[in-house]
Amino acid sequence: MANDVPMVTEREPQSALVSRFLSGLATEEDFATAKANFQRWLRDQWDGDAELASATCARALVEAGGKKWQALPERDLSAHAWLFSFACPRRDDLRGQAKKWVRAARRMGGAPLIAQLVRFRRG
């Protein structure tokens, strides 16, 4: 009867899928999984309201990044907000995760460079 017990599998963190996306190493399966995770995140954290999620994520990034992020062109901020939200940050710790995102962007070459990479990968 042990075969009747469903196998428990651990899902890969969304951040790992997003990292592969940025590096250009994501597979079709990675994209499908990431999209499904994102849809679940929208439903569970934002009652399916993608506009509210995106706007709130953008605002959290600007608050975390200060004047440099306030001065970003709209297309750069939009690229970051898209990727940050696609990473499915927890709504109850959005500010903390936005601060980590801003620090990571600095380490990886700066917000404009990351935004350019996001636009390149998204097409």
Protein backbone atom coordinates (compact mmCIF):
# COMPACT_ATOMS: atom_id res chain seq x y z
CA MET A 1 0.00 0.00 0.00
CA ALA A 2 3.00 2.32 0.16
CA ASN A 3 2.44 3.02 -3.54
CA ASP A 4 -0.85 4.75 -2.66
CA VAL A 5 0.98 7.54 -0.85
CA PRO A 6 1.61 10.46 -3.19
CA MET A 7 5.24 11.35 -3.68
CA VAL A 8 6.17 14.66 -2.15
CA THR A 9 8.48 16.64 -4.36
CA GLU A 10 10.09 19.91 -3.48
CA ARG A 11 9.50 22.72 -5.91
CA GLU A 12 12.51 24.66 -7.01
CA PRO A 13 12.52 28.22 -5.69
CA GLN A 14 11.23 30.80 -8.14
CA SER A 15 14.46 32.73 -7.61
CA ALA A 16 16.42 29.86 -9.19
CA LEU A 17 14.15 29.92 -12.24
CA VAL A 18 14.49 33.69 -12.50
CA SER A 19 18.29 33.41 -12.27
CA ARG A 20 18.34 30.92 -15.12
CA PHE A 21 16.09 33.25 -17.11
CA LEU A 22 18.52 36.14 -16.64
CA SER A 23 21.53 33.99 -17.51
CA GLY A 24 19.86 32.68 -20.65
CA LEU A 25 19.90 29.08 -19.38
CA ALA A 26 16.18 28.63 -18.73
CA THR A 27 14.45 25.74 -20.48
CA GLU A 28 10.89 25.63 -21.81
CA GLU A 29 9.99 23.65 -18.68
CA ASP A 30 11.56 26.36 -16.51
CA PHE A 31 9.43 28.99 -18.23
CA ALA A 32 6.27 26.93 -17.84
CA THR A 33 6.98 26.30 -14.16
CA ALA A 34 7.85 29.95 -13.51
CA LYS A 35 4.69 31.15 -15.24
CA ALA A 36 2.54 28.72 -13.23
CA ASN A 37 4.25 29.83 -10.00
CA PHE A 38 3.67 33.47 -10.94
CA GLN A 39 -0.03 32.89 -11.64
CA ARG A 40 -0.39 31.10 -8.29
CA TRP A 41 1.43 33.99 -6.58
CA LEU A 42 -0.89 36.54 -8.20
CA ARG A 43 -3.93 34.57 -7.12
CA ASP A 44 -2.74 33.82 -3.59
CA GLN A 45 -0.99 37.09 -2.70
CA TRP A 46 -2.85 39.68 -4.82
CA ASP A 47 -6.30 38.20 -5.49
CA GLY A 48 -5.31 37.96 -9.16
CA ASP A 49 -4.76 41.73 -9.54
CA ALA A 50 -1.62 41.92 -11.71
CA GLU A 51 -1.76 45.74 -11.98
CA LEU A 52 -1.84 46.16 -8.21
CA ALA A 53 0.99 43.67 -7.77
CA SER A 54 3.18 45.37 -10.38
CA ALA A 55 2.53 48.88 -9.05
CA THR A 56 3.18 47.84 -5.47
CA CYS A 57 6.38 46.03 -6.43
CA ALA A 58 7.59 49.08 -8.40
CA ARG A 59 6.83 51.36 -5.44
CA ALA A 60 8.69 49.03 -3.05
CA LEU A 61 11.75 49.06 -5.34
CA VAL A 62 11.75 52.86 -5.58
CA GLU A 63 11.44 53.19 -1.80
CA ALA A 64 14.25 50.67 -1.28
CA GLY A 65 16.53 52.22 -3.90
CA GLY A 66 16.08 55.85 -2.96
CA LYS A 67 17.01 58.70 -5.29
CA LYS A 68 18.92 56.56 -7.78
CA TRP A 69 15.89 54.36 -8.36
CA GLN A 70 13.54 57.34 -8.43
CA ALA A 71 15.68 58.71 -11.27
CA LEU A 72 15.51 55.51 -13.35
CA PRO A 73 13.78 55.85 -16.71
CA GLU A 74 10.28 54.35 -16.69
CA ARG A 75 11.34 51.49 -18.98
CA ASP A 76 14.12 50.47 -16.56
CA LEU A 77 11.87 50.63 -13.52
CA SER A 78 9.21 48.70 -15.43
CA ALA A 79 11.72 45.98 -16.32
CA HIS A 80 12.76 45.66 -12.67
CA ALA A 81 9.19 45.66 -11.43
CA TRP A 82 8.33 42.91 -13.90
CA LEU A 83 11.29 40.73 -12.89
CA PHE A 84 10.88 41.44 -9.18
CA SER A 85 7.22 40.50 -9.31
CA PHE A 86 8.05 37.46 -11.47
CA ALA A 87 10.32 36.36 -8.60
CA CYS A 88 7.12 36.16 -6.51
CA PRO A 89 8.18 38.13 -3.42
CA ARG A 90 6.12 37.59 -0.30
CA ARG A 91 3.67 40.42 0.12
CA ASP A 92 4.13 40.47 3.90
CA ASP A 93 7.87 41.22 3.45
CA LEU A 94 7.82 43.18 0.20
CA ARG A 95 9.93 46.04 1.58
CA GLY A 96 12.61 43.72 2.95
CA GLN A 97 12.79 41.76 -0.27
CA ALA A 98 12.92 44.95 -2.32
CA LYS A 99 15.93 46.08 -0.28
CA LYS A 100 17.65 42.77 -1.01
CA TRP A 101 16.79 43.17 -4.70
CA VAL A 102 18.32 46.66 -4.85
CA ARG A 103 21.51 45.44 -3.14
CA ALA A 104 21.74 42.50 -5.55
CA ALA A 105 21.24 44.81 -8.55
CA ARG A 106 24.15 46.95 -7.34
CA ARG A 107 26.40 43.90 -7.02
CA MET A 108 25.42 42.72 -10.51
CA GLY A 109 26.37 45.94 -12.29
CA GLY A 110 23.60 48.37 -11.38
CA ALA A 111 19.92 48.83 -12.05
CA PRO A 112 20.26 50.11 -15.66
CA LEU A 113 22.40 47.14 -16.69
CA ILE A 114 20.01 44.63 -15.14
CA ALA A 115 17.03 46.38 -16.75
CA GLN A 116 18.74 46.18 -20.14
CA LEU A 117 19.37 42.46 -19.61
CA VAL A 118 15.72 41.90 -18.66
CA ARG A 119 14.54 43.66 -21.82
CA PHE A 120 16.96 41.60 -23.91
CA ARG A 121 15.81 38.29 -22.38
CA ARG A 122 12.11 39.16 -22.63
CA GLY A 123 12.49 40.19 -26.26
